[in-house]
């Protein structure tokens, strides 16, 4: 018998306990032995169960395991979960995930509000030749009769 890798041995044990707990009480002895050995064989070979259009091909599974009509009906209902777990395990990641190194976090300065600055107009520089016309200074708003200011 080939050496079993730890992940295969672990999953093999899970499928074995699944068959004992879920399939043994509801299937006949012959159907149970055939189906459980078929599932364990798929686990050992890391092979997918027969599929048709992305779903389990129960006709082929029933013919391969020589299940009775009643056994096939029960297997469709109960063994489906074991076959789906087997497909997830086989299609899952092949190599272990690498540990993600934490990224050094640099503390940012806390955001503080500053008082508003008054708006300032830039000063106009006089021309180099001195022939500039001085702009009149802005006059304050005056109140006009009627209460409106312009």
C-alpha atoms as a PDB file:
ATOM      1  CA  UNK A   1       0.000   0.000   0.000  1.00  0.00           C
ATOM      2  CA  UNK A   2       1.407   3.457  -0.879  1.00  0.00           C
ATOM      3  CA  UNK A   3       2.354   5.819   1.910  1.00  0.00           C
ATOM      4  CA  UNK A   4      -0.470   8.169   2.756  1.00  0.00           C
ATOM      5  CA  UNK A   5       0.249  11.872   2.985  1.00  0.00           C
ATOM      6  CA  UNK A   6      -1.070  13.501   6.188  1.00  0.00           C
ATOM      7  CA  UNK A   7      -3.751  15.493   4.382  1.00  0.00           C
ATOM      8  CA  UNK A   8      -4.946  12.401   2.524  1.00  0.00           C
ATOM      9  CA  UNK A   9      -4.976  10.368   5.748  1.00  0.00           C
ATOM     10  CA  UNK A  10      -6.958  13.065   7.529  1.00  0.00           C
ATOM     11  CA  UNK A  11      -9.509  13.386   4.768  1.00  0.00           C
ATOM     12  CA  UNK A  12      -9.695   9.595   4.404  1.00  0.00           C
ATOM     13  CA  UNK A  13     -10.633   9.369   8.097  1.00  0.00           C
ATOM     14  CA  UNK A  14     -13.279  12.068   7.658  1.00  0.00           C
ATOM     15  CA  UNK A  15     -14.883  10.277   4.713  1.00  0.00           C
ATOM     16  CA  UNK A  16     -14.762   6.999   6.638  1.00  0.00           C
ATOM     17  CA  UNK A  17     -16.539   8.532   9.636  1.00  0.00           C
ATOM     18  CA  UNK A  18     -19.025  10.254   7.289  1.00  0.00           C
ATOM     19  CA  UNK A  19     -19.906   6.890   5.764  1.00  0.00           C
ATOM     20  CA  UNK A  20     -20.317   5.275   9.180  1.00  0.00           C
ATOM     21  CA  UNK A  21     -22.475   8.059  10.583  1.00  0.00           C
ATOM     22  CA  UNK A  22     -24.581   9.063   7.588  1.00  0.00           C
ATOM     23  CA  UNK A  23     -24.685   6.089   5.216  1.00  0.00           C
ATOM     24  CA  UNK A  24     -24.553   2.978   7.425  1.00  0.00           C
ATOM     25  CA  UNK A  25     -27.904   3.605   9.180  1.00  0.00           C
ATOM     26  CA  UNK A  26     -29.879   4.218   5.952  1.00  0.00           C
ATOM     27  CA  UNK A  27     -28.289   1.872   3.380  1.00  0.00           C
ATOM     28  CA  UNK A  28     -28.328  -1.889   3.169  1.00  0.00           C
ATOM     29  CA  UNK A  29     -25.123  -3.683   4.143  1.00  0.00           C
ATOM     30  CA  UNK A  30     -24.065  -4.499   0.558  1.00  0.00           C
ATOM     31  CA  UNK A  31     -24.886  -0.989  -0.751  1.00  0.00           C
ATOM     32  CA  UNK A  32     -23.079   0.586   2.205  1.00  0.00           C
ATOM     33  CA  UNK A  33     -19.920  -1.497   1.686  1.00  0.00           C
ATOM     34  CA  UNK A  34     -19.830  -0.790  -2.049  1.00  0.00           C
ATOM     35  CA  UNK A  35     -20.459   2.974  -1.756  1.00  0.00           C
ATOM     36  CA  UNK A  36     -18.099   3.569   1.169  1.00  0.00           C
ATOM     37  CA  UNK A  37     -15.251   1.635  -0.487  1.00  0.00           C
ATOM     38  CA  UNK A  38     -15.880   3.600  -3.706  1.00  0.00           C
ATOM     39  CA  UNK A  39     -15.685   6.944  -1.859  1.00  0.00           C
ATOM     40  CA  UNK A  40     -12.556   5.883   0.034  1.00  0.00           C
ATOM     41  CA  UNK A  41     -10.961   4.730  -3.232  1.00  0.00           C
ATOM     42  CA  UNK A  42     -11.628   8.139  -4.781  1.00  0.00           C
ATOM     43  CA  UNK A  43     -10.006   9.733  -1.745  1.00  0.00           C
ATOM     44  CA  UNK A  44      -6.886   7.561  -2.009  1.00  0.00           C
ATOM     45  CA  UNK A  45      -6.500   8.301  -5.727  1.00  0.00           C
ATOM     46  CA  UNK A  46      -7.459  11.983  -5.322  1.00  0.00           C
ATOM     47  CA  UNK A  47      -9.937  11.469  -8.153  1.00  0.00           C
ATOM     48  CA  UNK A  48     -13.177  13.325  -8.789  1.00  0.00           C
ATOM     49  CA  UNK A  49     -16.437  11.410  -8.846  1.00  0.00           C
ATOM     50  CA  UNK A  50     -18.092  11.094 -12.265  1.00  0.00           C
ATOM     51  CA  UNK A  51     -19.719  14.352 -13.303  1.00  0.00           C
ATOM     52  CA  UNK A  52     -22.248  15.217 -15.990  1.00  0.00           C
ATOM     53  CA  UNK A  53     -22.726  18.915 -16.825  1.00  0.00           C
ATOM     54  CA  UNK A  54     -20.978  19.905 -13.595  1.00  0.00           C
ATOM     55  CA  UNK A  55     -23.214  17.738 -11.379  1.00  0.00           C
ATOM     56  CA  UNK A  56     -22.763  14.272  -9.939  1.00  0.00           C
ATOM     57  CA  UNK A  57     -23.555  11.519 -12.441  1.00  0.00           C
ATOM     58  CA  UNK A  58     -25.636   9.217 -10.236  1.00  0.00           C
ATOM     59  CA  UNK A  59     -26.261   6.698 -13.010  1.00  0.00           C
ATOM     60  CA  UNK A  60     -22.547   6.023 -13.329  1.00  0.00           C
ATOM     61  CA  UNK A  61     -22.010   6.045  -9.564  1.00  0.00           C
ATOM     62  CA  UNK A  62     -24.891   3.584  -9.107  1.00  0.00           C
ATOM     63  CA  UNK A  63     -23.583   1.307 -11.872  1.00  0.00           C
ATOM     64  CA  UNK A  64     -19.998   1.397 -10.573  1.00  0.00           C
ATOM     65  CA  UNK A  65     -21.045   0.685  -6.975  1.00  0.00           C
ATOM     66  CA  UNK A  66     -23.757  -1.806  -8.033  1.00  0.00           C
ATOM     67  CA  UNK A  67     -26.366  -0.014  -5.921  1.00  0.00           C
ATOM     68  CA  UNK A  68     -29.947  -1.246  -5.782  1.00  0.00           C
ATOM     69  CA  UNK A  69     -32.773   1.080  -6.879  1.00  0.00           C
ATOM     70  CA  UNK A  70     -33.648   1.904  -3.275  1.00  0.00           C
ATOM     71  CA  UNK A  71     -29.968   2.275  -2.381  1.00  0.00           C
ATOM     72  CA  UNK A  72     -29.459   4.716  -5.255  1.00  0.00           C
ATOM     73  CA  UNK A  73     -32.369   6.886  -4.085  1.00  0.00           C
ATOM     74  CA  UNK A  74     -30.977   7.001  -0.559  1.00  0.00           C
ATOM     75  CA  UNK A  75     -27.427   7.631  -1.816  1.00  0.00           C
ATOM     76  CA  UNK A  76     -28.584  10.605  -3.891  1.00  0.00           C
ATOM     77  CA  UNK A  77     -30.016  12.158  -0.761  1.00  0.00           C
ATOM     78  CA  UNK A  78     -27.353  11.233   1.813  1.00  0.00           C
ATOM     79  CA  UNK A  79     -24.033  10.656   0.005  1.00  0.00           C
ATOM     80  CA  UNK A  80     -24.233  13.890  -1.987  1.00  0.00           C
ATOM     81  CA  UNK A  81     -22.630  15.835   0.883  1.00  0.00           C
ATOM     82  CA  UNK A  82     -19.668  13.461   1.044  1.00  0.00           C
ATOM     83  CA  UNK A  83     -19.067  13.660  -2.709  1.00  0.00           C
ATOM     84  CA  UNK A  84     -19.283  17.478  -2.612  1.00  0.00           C
ATOM     85  CA  UNK A  85     -16.746  17.563   0.234  1.00  0.00           C
ATOM     86  CA  UNK A  86     -14.491  15.298  -1.822  1.00  0.00           C
ATOM     87  CA  UNK A  87     -14.736  17.644  -4.833  1.00  0.00           C
ATOM     88  CA  UNK A  88     -13.955  20.709  -2.676  1.00  0.00           C
ATOM     89  CA  UNK A  89     -10.953  18.927  -1.168  1.00  0.00           C
ATOM     90  CA  UNK A  90      -9.563  17.887  -4.545  1.00  0.00           C
ATOM     91  CA  UNK A  91     -10.173  21.247  -6.249  1.00  0.00           C
ATOM     92  CA  UNK A  92      -8.842  23.178  -3.242  1.00  0.00           C
ATOM     93  CA  UNK A  93      -5.367  24.696  -2.984  1.00  0.00           C
ATOM     94  CA  UNK A  94      -2.595  22.210  -3.791  1.00  0.00           C
ATOM     95  CA  UNK A  95       0.093  23.758  -1.610  1.00  0.00           C
ATOM     96  CA  UNK A  96      -0.196  25.229   1.877  1.00  0.00           C
ATOM     97  CA  UNK A  97      -0.817  28.922   2.142  1.00  0.00           C
ATOM     98  CA  UNK A  98       2.199  31.048   2.920  1.00  0.00           C
ATOM     99  CA  UNK A  99       2.136  33.052   6.091  1.00  0.00           C
ATOM    100  CA  UNK A 100       1.402  36.684   5.355  1.00  0.00           C
ATOM    101  CA  UNK A 101       3.995  38.999   6.832  1.00  0.00           C
ATOM    102  CA  UNK A 102       2.519  41.941   8.702  1.00  0.00           C
ATOM    103  CA  UNK A 103       3.143  45.317   7.146  1.00  0.00           C
ATOM    104  CA  UNK A 104       4.780  47.943   9.317  1.00  0.00           C
ATOM    105  CA  UNK A 105       2.291  50.671  10.042  1.00  0.00           C
ATOM    106  CA  UNK A 106       3.608  54.206  10.292  1.00  0.00           C
ATOM    107  CA  UNK A 107       1.607  56.363  12.644  1.00  0.00           C
ATOM    108  CA  UNK A 108       0.296  59.418  10.863  1.00  0.00           C
ATOM    109  CA  UNK A 109       0.051  62.824  12.485  1.00  0.00           C
ATOM    110  CA  UNK A 110      -3.377  63.372  13.957  1.00  0.00           C
ATOM    111  CA  UNK A 111      -5.497  65.765  11.965  1.00  0.00           C
ATOM    112  CA  UNK A 112      -6.069  69.069  13.763  1.00  0.00           C
ATOM    113  CA  UNK A 113      -8.230  71.954  12.748  1.00  0.00           C
ATOM    114  CA  UNK A 114      -6.619  75.362  12.499  1.00  0.00           C
ATOM    115  CA  UNK A 115      -8.467  78.667  12.776  1.00  0.00           C
ATOM    116  CA  UNK A 116      -9.508  80.145   9.458  1.00  0.00           C
ATOM    117  CA  UNK A 117      -7.090  82.649   7.908  1.00  0.00           C
ATOM    118  CA  UNK A 118      -8.470  85.935   6.560  1.00  0.00           C
ATOM    119  CA  UNK A 119      -8.396  86.224   2.795  1.00  0.00           C
ATOM    120  CA  UNK A 120      -5.683  88.544   1.480  1.00  0.00           C
ATOM    121  CA  UNK A 121      -5.373  90.055  -1.922  1.00  0.00           C
ATOM    122  CA  UNK A 122      -1.956  90.000  -3.471  1.00  0.00           C
ATOM    123  CA  UNK A 123      -0.343  93.416  -3.697  1.00  0.00           C
ATOM    124  CA  UNK A 124       0.188  94.734  -7.176  1.00  0.00           C
ATOM    125  CA  UNK A 125       3.735  95.710  -7.893  1.00  0.00           C
ATOM    126  CA  UNK A 126       4.307  98.987  -9.692  1.00  0.00           C
ATOM    127  CA  UNK A 127       5.793  98.850 -13.120  1.00  0.00           C
ATOM    128  CA  UNK A 128       9.534  99.256 -13.393  1.00  0.00           C
ATOM    129  CA  UNK A 129       9.224 102.603 -15.207  1.00  0.00           C
ATOM    130  CA  UNK A 130       6.965 104.204 -12.572  1.00  0.00           C
ATOM    131  CA  UNK A 131       4.187 105.121 -15.064  1.00  0.00           C
ATOM    132  CA  UNK A 132       1.411 103.279 -13.307  1.00  0.00           C
ATOM    133  CA  UNK A 133      -1.975 104.579 -12.536  1.00  0.00           C
ATOM    134  CA  UNK A 134      -2.901 104.231  -8.923  1.00  0.00           C
ATOM    135  CA  UNK A 135      -6.141 102.374  -8.375  1.00  0.00           C
ATOM    136  CA  UNK A 136      -8.598 104.025  -6.087  1.00  0.00           C
ATOM    137  CA  UNK A 137      -8.877 102.492  -2.670  1.00  0.00           C
ATOM    138  CA  UNK A 138     -11.981 100.446  -1.991  1.00  0.00           C
ATOM    139  CA  UNK A 139     -14.602 102.496  -0.196  1.00  0.00           C
ATOM    140  CA  UNK A 140     -16.689 101.048   2.621  1.00  0.00           C
ATOM    141  CA  UNK A 141     -20.337 100.331   1.919  1.00  0.00           C
ATOM    142  CA  UNK A 142     -22.704 103.131   2.794  1.00  0.00           C
ATOM    143  CA  UNK A 143     -26.226 102.956   4.008  1.00  0.00           C
ATOM    144  CA  UNK A 144     -28.740 104.427   1.684  1.00  0.00           C
ATOM    145  CA  UNK A 145     -32.088 105.748   2.705  1.00  0.00           C
ATOM    146  CA  UNK A 146     -34.536 102.846   2.748  1.00  0.00           C
ATOM    147  CA  UNK A 147     -32.290 100.516   4.718  1.00  0.00           C
ATOM    148  CA  UNK A 148     -30.574  98.805   1.796  1.00  0.00           C
ATOM    149  CA  UNK A 149     -26.870  98.925   1.378  1.00  0.00           C
ATOM    150  CA  UNK A 150     -25.097  98.713  -1.935  1.00  0.00           C
END
